[in-house]
Amino acid sequence: MRNTLKKQAKVTSKGQVTIPREVRRRLGVRAGDRLQFEEDGDGVRVTAVRKESPFAKYRGIGTPGIGKGRKGIQKWLRELRGE
């Protein structure tokens, strides 16, 4: 069974809403992030807009000369061991 989340928020006169902390955590959003509102048959779905993986900025950090994935790491270890 899927864990259902029910939270409420008040809309200001400017149309602004404070998104509850638990909802922000589940969506993985922070200040400045974009949200998409999409109507479906049951209501409106809110999703975080992702242009790239949140981990993309860390790709390759601290691993110069080591190839990607398991094979790259295994090759690097063999070279390190002199095999």
PDB file of N, CA and C in Angstrom:
ATOM      1  N   MET A   1       0.840  -1.183   0.000  1.00  0.00           N
ATOM      2  CA  MET A   1       0.000   0.000   0.000  1.00  0.00           C
ATOM      3  C   MET A   1       0.887   1.250   0.000  1.00  0.00           C
ATOM      4  N   ARG A   2       0.541   2.216  -0.790  1.00  0.00           N
ATOM      5  CA  ARG A   2       1.317   3.443  -0.918  1.00  0.00           C
ATOM      6  C   ARG A   2       1.021   4.375   0.249  1.00  0.00           C
ATOM      7  N   ASN A   3       2.075   4.974   0.804  1.00  0.00           N
ATOM      8  CA  ASN A   3       1.938   5.901   1.914  1.00  0.00           C
ATOM      9  C   ASN A   3       1.347   7.211   1.389  1.00  0.00           C
ATOM     10  N   THR A   4       0.161   7.582   1.860  1.00  0.00           N
ATOM     11  CA  THR A   4      -0.527   8.768   1.393  1.00  0.00           C
ATOM     12  C   THR A   4      -0.175   9.957   2.265  1.00  0.00           C
ATOM     13  N   LEU A   5       0.122  11.058   1.622  1.00  0.00           N
ATOM     14  CA  LEU A   5       0.473  12.295   2.304  1.00  0.00           C
ATOM     15  C   LEU A   5      -0.660  13.289   2.108  1.00  0.00           C
ATOM     16  N   LYS A   6      -1.158  13.842   3.191  1.00  0.00           N
ATOM     17  CA  LYS A   6      -2.199  14.873   3.111  1.00  0.00           C
ATOM     18  C   LYS A   6      -1.754  16.062   3.937  1.00  0.00           C
ATOM     19  N   LYS A   7      -1.552  17.180   3.269  1.00  0.00           N
ATOM     20  CA  LYS A   7      -1.151  18.422   3.934  1.00  0.00           C
ATOM     21  C   LYS A   7      -1.979  19.552   3.356  1.00  0.00           C
ATOM     22  N   GLN A   8      -2.168  20.608   4.135  1.00  0.00           N
ATOM     23  CA  GLN A   8      -2.900  21.774   3.668  1.00  0.00           C
ATOM     24  C   GLN A   8      -2.007  22.994   3.729  1.00  0.00           C
ATOM     25  N   ALA A   9      -2.306  23.967   2.860  1.00  0.00           N
ATOM     26  CA  ALA A   9      -1.590  25.235   2.849  1.00  0.00           C
ATOM     27  C   ALA A   9      -2.582  26.329   2.482  1.00  0.00           C
ATOM     28  N   LYS A  10      -2.322  27.515   2.948  1.00  0.00           N
ATOM     29  CA  LYS A  10      -3.205  28.654   2.706  1.00  0.00           C
ATOM     30  C   LYS A  10      -2.642  29.500   1.565  1.00  0.00           C
ATOM     31  N   VAL A  11      -3.514  29.938   0.657  1.00  0.00           N
ATOM     32  CA  VAL A  11      -3.115  30.793  -0.452  1.00  0.00           C
ATOM     33  C   VAL A  11      -3.241  32.249  -0.008  1.00  0.00           C
ATOM     34  N   THR A  12      -2.166  33.044  -0.241  1.00  0.00           N
ATOM     35  CA  THR A  12      -2.198  34.465   0.129  1.00  0.00           C
ATOM     36  C   THR A  12      -2.957  35.256  -0.933  1.00  0.00           C
ATOM     37  N   SER A  13      -3.167  36.531  -0.658  1.00  0.00           N
ATOM     38  CA  SER A  13      -3.865  37.389  -1.618  1.00  0.00           C
ATOM     39  C   SER A  13      -3.075  37.550  -2.910  1.00  0.00           C
ATOM     40  N   LYS A  14      -1.777  37.289  -2.867  1.00  0.00           N
ATOM     41  CA  LYS A  14      -0.935  37.365  -4.065  1.00  0.00           C
ATOM     42  C   LYS A  14      -0.867  36.021  -4.799  1.00  0.00           C
ATOM     43  N   GLY A  15      -1.581  35.033  -4.310  1.00  0.00           N
ATOM     44  CA  GLY A  15      -1.566  33.713  -4.939  1.00  0.00           C
ATOM     45  C   GLY A  15      -0.386  32.857  -4.529  1.00  0.00           C
ATOM     46  N   GLN A  16       0.297  33.231  -3.461  1.00  0.00           N
ATOM     47  CA  GLN A  16       1.461  32.478  -2.997  1.00  0.00           C
ATOM     48  C   GLN A  16       1.055  31.433  -1.971  1.00  0.00           C
ATOM     49  N   VAL A  17       1.825  30.340  -1.951  1.00  0.00           N
ATOM     50  CA  VAL A  17       1.575  29.231  -1.033  1.00  0.00           C
ATOM     51  C   VAL A  17       2.897  28.818  -0.407  1.00  0.00           C
ATOM     52  N   THR A  18       2.888  28.573   0.892  1.00  0.00           N
ATOM     53  CA  THR A  18       4.060  27.982   1.541  1.00  0.00           C
ATOM     54  C   THR A  18       3.877  26.469   1.495  1.00  0.00           C
ATOM     55  N   ILE A  19       4.810  25.801   0.827  1.00  0.00           N
ATOM     56  CA  ILE A  19       4.719  24.352   0.693  1.00  0.00           C
ATOM     57  C   ILE A  19       5.223  23.719   1.982  1.00  0.00           C
ATOM     58  N   PRO A  20       4.425  22.864   2.614  1.00  0.00           N
ATOM     59  CA  PRO A  20       4.845  22.230   3.868  1.00  0.00           C
ATOM     60  C   PRO A  20       6.184  21.504   3.725  1.00  0.00           C
ATOM     61  N   ARG A  21       6.973  21.515   4.791  1.00  0.00           N
ATOM     62  CA  ARG A  21       8.311  20.934   4.789  1.00  0.00           C
ATOM     63  C   ARG A  21       8.328  19.486   4.303  1.00  0.00           C
ATOM     64  N   GLU A  22       7.402  18.662   4.781  1.00  0.00           N
ATOM     65  CA  GLU A  22       7.390  17.248   4.387  1.00  0.00           C
ATOM     66  C   GLU A  22       7.146  17.096   2.878  1.00  0.00           C
ATOM     67  N   VAL A  23       6.318  17.956   2.315  1.00  0.00           N
ATOM     68  CA  VAL A  23       6.054  17.912   0.878  1.00  0.00           C
ATOM     69  C   VAL A  23       7.308  18.330   0.114  1.00  0.00           C
ATOM     70  N   ARG A  24       7.990  19.387   0.572  1.00  0.00           N
ATOM     71  CA  ARG A  24       9.239  19.822  -0.064  1.00  0.00           C
ATOM     72  C   ARG A  24      10.270  18.703  -0.035  1.00  0.00           C
ATOM     73  N   ARG A  25      10.358  18.012   1.082  1.00  0.00           N
ATOM     74  CA  ARG A  25      11.320  16.907   1.200  1.00  0.00           C
ATOM     75  C   ARG A  25      10.985  15.780   0.234  1.00  0.00           C
ATOM     76  N   ARG A  26       9.714  15.427   0.143  1.00  0.00           N
ATOM     77  CA  ARG A  26       9.314  14.344  -0.769  1.00  0.00           C
ATOM     78  C   ARG A  26       9.558  14.710  -2.223  1.00  0.00           C
ATOM     79  N   LEU A  27       9.360  15.983  -2.554  1.00  0.00           N
ATOM     80  CA  LEU A  27       9.606  16.442  -3.923  1.00  0.00           C
ATOM     81  C   LEU A  27      11.086  16.680  -4.184  1.00  0.00           C
ATOM     82  N   GLY A  28      11.857  16.831  -3.103  1.00  0.00           N
ATOM     83  CA  GLY A  28      13.284  17.110  -3.250  1.00  0.00           C
ATOM     84  C   GLY A  28      13.545  18.515  -3.772  1.00  0.00           C
ATOM     85  N   VAL A  29      12.752  19.492  -3.325  1.00  0.00           N
ATOM     86  CA  VAL A  29      12.902  20.860  -3.804  1.00  0.00           C
ATOM     87  C   VAL A  29      13.360  21.797  -2.694  1.00  0.00           C
ATOM     88  N   ARG A  30      14.024  22.862  -3.142  1.00  0.00           N
ATOM     89  CA  ARG A  30      14.486  23.914  -2.229  1.00  0.00           C
ATOM     90  C   ARG A  30      14.122  25.266  -2.833  1.00  0.00           C
ATOM     91  N   ALA A  31      14.450  26.311  -2.118  1.00  0.00           N
ATOM     92  CA  ALA A  31      14.160  27.669  -2.581  1.00  0.00           C
ATOM     93  C   ALA A  31      14.759  27.883  -3.967  1.00  0.00           C
ATOM     94  N   GLY A  32      13.976  28.437  -4.870  1.00  0.00           N
ATOM     95  CA  GLY A  32      14.437  28.719  -6.228  1.00  0.00           C
ATOM     96  C   GLY A  32      14.154  27.613  -7.223  1.00  0.00           C
ATOM     97  N   ASP A  33      13.803  26.408  -6.751  1.00  0.00           N
ATOM     98  CA  ASP A  33      13.474  25.306  -7.658  1.00  0.00           C
ATOM     99  C   ASP A  33      12.123  25.564  -8.312  1.00  0.00           C
ATOM    100  N   ARG A  34      11.900  24.919  -9.450  1.00  0.00           N
ATOM    101  CA  ARG A  34      10.651  25.087 -10.185  1.00  0.00           C
ATOM    102  C   ARG A  34       9.734  23.883  -9.960  1.00  0.00           C
ATOM    103  N   LEU A  35       8.434  24.160  -9.941  1.00  0.00           N
ATOM    104  CA  LEU A  35       7.418  23.121  -9.818  1.00  0.00           C
ATOM    105  C   LEU A  35       6.520  23.173 -11.043  1.00  0.00           C
ATOM    106  N   GLN A  36       6.001  22.016 -11.406  1.00  0.00           N
ATOM    107  CA  GLN A  36       5.058  21.941 -12.524  1.00  0.00           C
ATOM    108  C   GLN A  36       3.715  21.480 -11.979  1.00  0.00           C
ATOM    109  N   PHE A  37       2.649  22.136 -12.407  1.00  0.00           N
ATOM    110  CA  PHE A  37       1.291  21.792 -12.010  1.00  0.00           C
ATOM    111  C   PHE A  37       0.589  21.229 -13.242  1.00  0.00           C
ATOM    112  N   GLU A  38       0.122  19.994 -13.123  1.00  0.00           N
ATOM    113  CA  GLU A  38      -0.488  19.323 -14.268  1.00  0.00           C
ATOM    114  C   GLU A  38      -1.828  18.722 -13.849  1.00  0.00           C
ATOM    115  N   GLU A  39      -2.861  19.080 -14.588  1.00  0.00           N
ATOM    116  CA  GLU A  39      -4.194  18.570 -14.279  1.00  0.00           C
ATOM    117  C   GLU A  39      -4.344  17.158 -14.824  1.00  0.00           C
ATOM    118  N   ASP A  40      -4.880  16.276 -13.968  1.00  0.00           N
ATOM    119  CA  ASP A  40      -5.217  14.934 -14.428  1.00  0.00           C
ATOM    120  C   ASP A  40      -6.681  14.686 -14.084  1.00  0.00           C
ATOM    121  N   GLY A  41      -7.153  13.498 -14.254  1.00  0.00           N
ATOM    122  CA  GLY A  41      -8.568  13.204 -14.034  1.00  0.00           C
ATOM    123  C   GLY A  41      -9.033  13.370 -12.602  1.00  0.00           C
ATOM    124  N   ASP A  42      -8.114  13.287 -11.644  1.00  0.00           N
ATOM    125  CA  ASP A  42      -8.489  13.345 -10.237  1.00  0.00           C
ATOM    126  C   ASP A  42      -8.213  14.691  -9.584  1.00  0.00           C
ATOM    127  N   GLY A  43      -7.488  15.568 -10.241  1.00  0.00           N
ATOM    128  CA  GLY A  43      -7.134  16.851  -9.635  1.00  0.00           C
ATOM    129  C   GLY A  43      -5.910  17.425 -10.319  1.00  0.00           C
ATOM    130  N   VAL A  44      -5.039  18.018  -9.530  1.00  0.00           N
ATOM    131  CA  VAL A  44      -3.825  18.624 -10.067  1.00  0.00           C
ATOM    132  C   VAL A  44      -2.616  17.946  -9.435  1.00  0.00           C
ATOM    133  N   ARG A  45      -1.692  17.528 -10.270  1.00  0.00           N
ATOM    134  CA  ARG A  45      -0.475  16.862  -9.820  1.00  0.00           C
ATOM    135  C   ARG A  45       0.654  17.887  -9.796  1.00  0.00           C
ATOM    136  N   VAL A  46       1.450  17.882  -8.725  1.00  0.00           N
ATOM    137  CA  VAL A  46       2.592  18.783  -8.594  1.00  0.00           C
ATOM    138  C   VAL A  46       3.861  17.942  -8.658  1.00  0.00           C
ATOM    139  N   THR A  47       4.773  18.320  -9.568  1.00  0.00           N
ATOM    140  CA  THR A  47       6.038  17.615  -9.688  1.00  0.00           C
ATOM    141  C   THR A  47       7.177  18.622  -9.764  1.00  0.00           C
ATOM    142  N   ALA A  48       8.343  18.189  -9.338  1.00  0.00           N
ATOM    143  CA  ALA A  48       9.530  19.026  -9.434  1.00  0.00           C
ATOM    144  C   ALA A  48      10.034  18.974 -10.875  1.00  0.00           C
ATOM    145  N   VAL A  49      10.457  20.117 -11.396  1.00  0.00           N
ATOM    146  CA  VAL A  49      11.005  20.188 -12.747  1.00  0.00           C
ATOM    147  C   VAL A  49      12.494  19.909 -12.648  1.00  0.00           C
ATOM    148  N   ARG A  50      12.943  18.865 -13.344  1.00  0.00           N
ATOM    149  CA  ARG A  50      14.352  18.473 -13.326  1.00  0.00           C
ATOM    150  C   ARG A  50      14.909  18.571 -14.730  1.00  0.00           C
ATOM    151  N   LYS A  51      15.942  19.373 -14.911  1.00  0.00           N
ATOM    152  CA  LYS A  51      16.600  19.466 -16.205  1.00  0.00           C
ATOM    153  C   LYS A  51      17.725  18.450 -16.303  1.00  0.00           C
ATOM    154  N   GLU A  52      18.307  18.107 -15.190  1.00  0.00           N
ATOM    155  CA  GLU A  52      19.372  17.109 -15.161  1.00  0.00           C
ATOM    156  C   GLU A  52      19.347  16.434 -13.802  1.00  0.00           C
ATOM    157  N   SER A  53      20.084  15.369 -13.691  1.00  0.00           N
ATOM    158  CA  SER A  53      20.170  14.645 -12.430  1.00  0.00           C
ATOM    159  C   SER A  53      20.724  15.564 -11.346  1.00  0.00           C
ATOM    160  N   PRO A  54      20.193  15.495 -10.130  1.00  0.00           N
ATOM    161  CA  PRO A  54      20.738  16.330  -9.058  1.00  0.00           C
ATOM    162  C   PRO A  54      22.180  15.948  -8.718  1.00  0.00           C
ATOM    163  N   PHE A  55      22.633  14.791  -9.191  1.00  0.00           N
ATOM    164  CA  PHE A  55      23.993  14.336  -8.920  1.00  0.00           C
ATOM    165  C   PHE A  55      24.956  14.635 -10.061  1.00  0.00           C
ATOM    166  N   ALA A  56      24.438  15.161 -11.164  1.00  0.00           N
ATOM    167  CA  ALA A  56      25.267  15.387 -12.348  1.00  0.00           C
ATOM    168  C   ALA A  56      26.456  16.288 -12.058  1.00  0.00           C
ATOM    169  N   LYS A  57      26.273  17.288 -11.197  1.00  0.00           N
ATOM    170  CA  LYS A  57      27.368  18.215 -10.920  1.00  0.00           C
ATOM    171  C   LYS A  57      28.519  17.542 -10.183  1.00  0.00           C
ATOM    172  N   TYR A  58      28.289  16.366  -9.608  1.00  0.00           N
ATOM    173  CA  TYR A  58      29.343  15.653  -8.887  1.00  0.00           C
ATOM    174  C   TYR A  58      30.021  14.587  -9.745  1.00  0.00           C
ATOM    175  N   ARG A  59      29.538  14.363 -10.951  1.00  0.00           N
ATOM    176  CA  ARG A  59      30.069  13.316 -11.810  1.00  0.00           C
ATOM    177  C   ARG A  59      31.546  13.565 -12.104  1.00  0.00           C
ATOM    178  N   GLY A  60      32.377  12.562 -11.822  1.00  0.00           N
ATOM    179  CA  GLY A  60      33.797  12.640 -12.127  1.00  0.00           C
ATOM    180  C   GLY A  60      34.631  13.389 -11.115  1.00  0.00           C
ATOM    181  N   ILE A  61      34.019  13.901 -10.072  1.00  0.00           N
ATOM    182  CA  ILE A  61      34.758  14.690  -9.087  1.00  0.00           C
ATOM    183  C   ILE A  61      35.714  13.773  -8.320  1.00  0.00           C
ATOM    184  N   GLY A  62      36.950  14.119  -8.261  1.00  0.00           N
ATOM    185  CA  GLY A  62      37.920  13.359  -7.479  1.00  0.00           C
ATOM    186  C   GLY A  62      38.365  12.056  -8.096  1.00  0.00           C
ATOM    187  N   THR A  63      38.013  11.808  -9.361  1.00  0.00           N
ATOM    188  CA  THR A  63      38.398  10.544  -9.990  1.00  0.00           C
ATOM    189  C   THR A  63      39.046  10.777 -11.353  1.00  0.00           C
ATOM    190  N   PRO A  64      40.079  11.610 -11.438  1.00  0.00           N
ATOM    191  CA  PRO A  64      40.705  11.822 -12.752  1.00  0.00           C
ATOM    192  C   PRO A  64      41.383  10.549 -13.239  1.00  0.00           C
ATOM    193  N   GLY A  65      41.146  10.218 -14.494  1.00  0.00           N
ATOM    194  CA  GLY A  65      41.777   9.041 -15.074  1.00  0.00           C
ATOM    195  C   GLY A  65      41.068   7.733 -14.805  1.00  0.00           C
ATOM    196  N   ILE A  66      39.995   7.754 -14.047  1.00  0.00           N
ATOM    197  CA  ILE A  66      39.249   6.528 -13.765  1.00  0.00           C
ATOM    198  C   ILE A  66      38.016   6.518 -14.665  1.00  0.00           C
ATOM    199  N   GLY A  67      37.837   5.433 -15.393  1.00  0.00           N
ATOM    200  CA  GLY A  67      36.691   5.322 -16.289  1.00  0.00           C
ATOM    201  C   GLY A  67      35.383   5.218 -15.523  1.00  0.00           C
ATOM    202  N   LYS A  68      34.291   5.334 -16.266  1.00  0.00           N
ATOM    203  CA  LYS A  68      32.963   5.271 -15.651  1.00  0.00           C
ATOM    204  C   LYS A  68      32.565   3.833 -15.345  1.00  0.00           C
ATOM    205  N   GLY A  69      31.774   3.673 -14.329  1.00  0.00           N
ATOM    206  CA  GLY A  69      31.168   2.389 -14.010  1.00  0.00           C
ATOM    207  C   GLY A  69      32.118   1.388 -13.376  1.00  0.00           C
ATOM    208  N   ARG A  70      31.568   0.198 -13.181  1.00  0.00           N
ATOM    209  CA  ARG A  70      32.294  -0.882 -12.509  1.00  0.00           C
ATOM    210  C   ARG A  70      33.551  -1.300 -13.277  1.00  0.00           C
ATOM    211  N   LYS A  71      33.450  -1.407 -14.606  1.00  0.00           N
ATOM    212  CA  LYS A  71      34.607  -1.827 -15.403  1.00  0.00           C
ATOM    213  C   LYS A  71      35.748  -0.820 -15.295  1.00  0.00           C
ATOM    214  N   GLY A  72      35.412   0.453 -15.309  1.00  0.00           N
ATOM    215  CA  GLY A  72      36.434   1.493 -15.180  1.00  0.00           C
ATOM    216  C   GLY A  72      37.155   1.420 -13.852  1.00  0.00           C
ATOM    217  N   ILE A  73      36.407   1.184 -12.790  1.00  0.00           N
ATOM    218  CA  ILE A  73      37.004   1.082 -11.452  1.00  0.00           C
ATOM    219  C   ILE A  73      37.870  -0.172 -11.350  1.00  0.00           C
ATOM    220  N   GLN A  74      37.378  -1.296 -11.899  1.00  0.00           N
ATOM    221  CA  GLN A  74      38.154  -2.539 -11.857  1.00  0.00           C
ATOM    222  C   GLN A  74      39.457  -2.394 -12.635  1.00  0.00           C
ATOM    223  N   LYS A  75      39.402  -1.747 -13.794  1.00  0.00           N
ATOM    224  CA  LYS A  75      40.605  -1.518 -14.591  1.00  0.00           C
ATOM    225  C   LYS A  75      41.600  -0.658 -13.820  1.00  0.00           C
ATOM    226  N   TRP A  76      41.125   0.391 -13.195  1.00  0.00           N
ATOM    227  CA  TRP A  76      41.976   1.292 -12.408  1.00  0.00           C
ATOM    228  C   TRP A  76      42.630   0.540 -11.251  1.00  0.00           C
ATOM    229  N   LEU A  77      41.860  -0.314 -10.561  1.00  0.00           N
ATOM    230  CA  LEU A  77      42.413  -1.107  -9.453  1.00  0.00           C
ATOM    231  C   LEU A  77      43.489  -2.072  -9.932  1.00  0.00           C
ATOM    232  N   ARG A  78      43.265  -2.725 -11.097  1.00  0.00           N
ATOM    233  CA  ARG A  78      44.278  -3.638 -11.649  1.00  0.00           C
ATOM    234  C   ARG A  78      45.566  -2.877 -11.973  1.00  0.00           C
ATOM    235  N   GLU A  79      45.422  -1.692 -12.552  1.00  0.00           N
ATOM    236  CA  GLU A  79      46.607  -0.880 -12.863  1.00  0.00           C
ATOM    237  C   GLU A  79      47.313  -0.452 -11.584  1.00  0.00           C
ATOM    238  N   LEU A  80      46.557  -0.112 -10.583  1.00  0.00           N
ATOM    239  CA  LEU A  80      47.116   0.320  -9.295  1.00  0.00           C
ATOM    240  C   LEU A  80      47.901  -0.814  -8.651  1.00  0.00           C
ATOM    241  N   ARG A  81      47.422  -2.051  -8.808  1.00  0.00           N
ATOM    242  CA  ARG A  81      48.074  -3.238  -8.237  1.00  0.00           C
ATOM    243  C   ARG A  81      49.207  -3.751  -9.117  1.00  0.00           C
ATOM    244  N   GLY A  82      49.348  -3.170 -10.305  1.00  0.00           N
ATOM    245  CA  GLY A  82      50.409  -3.608 -11.210  1.00  0.00           C
ATOM    246  C   GLY A  82      50.065  -4.863 -11.969  1.00  0.00           C
ATOM    247  N   GLU A  83      48.814  -5.166 -12.109  1.00  0.00           N
ATOM    248  CA  GLU A  83      48.379  -6.386 -12.829  1.00  0.00           C
ATOM    249  C   GLU A  83      48.291  -6.142 -14.309  1.00  0.00           C
TER     250      GLU A  83
END
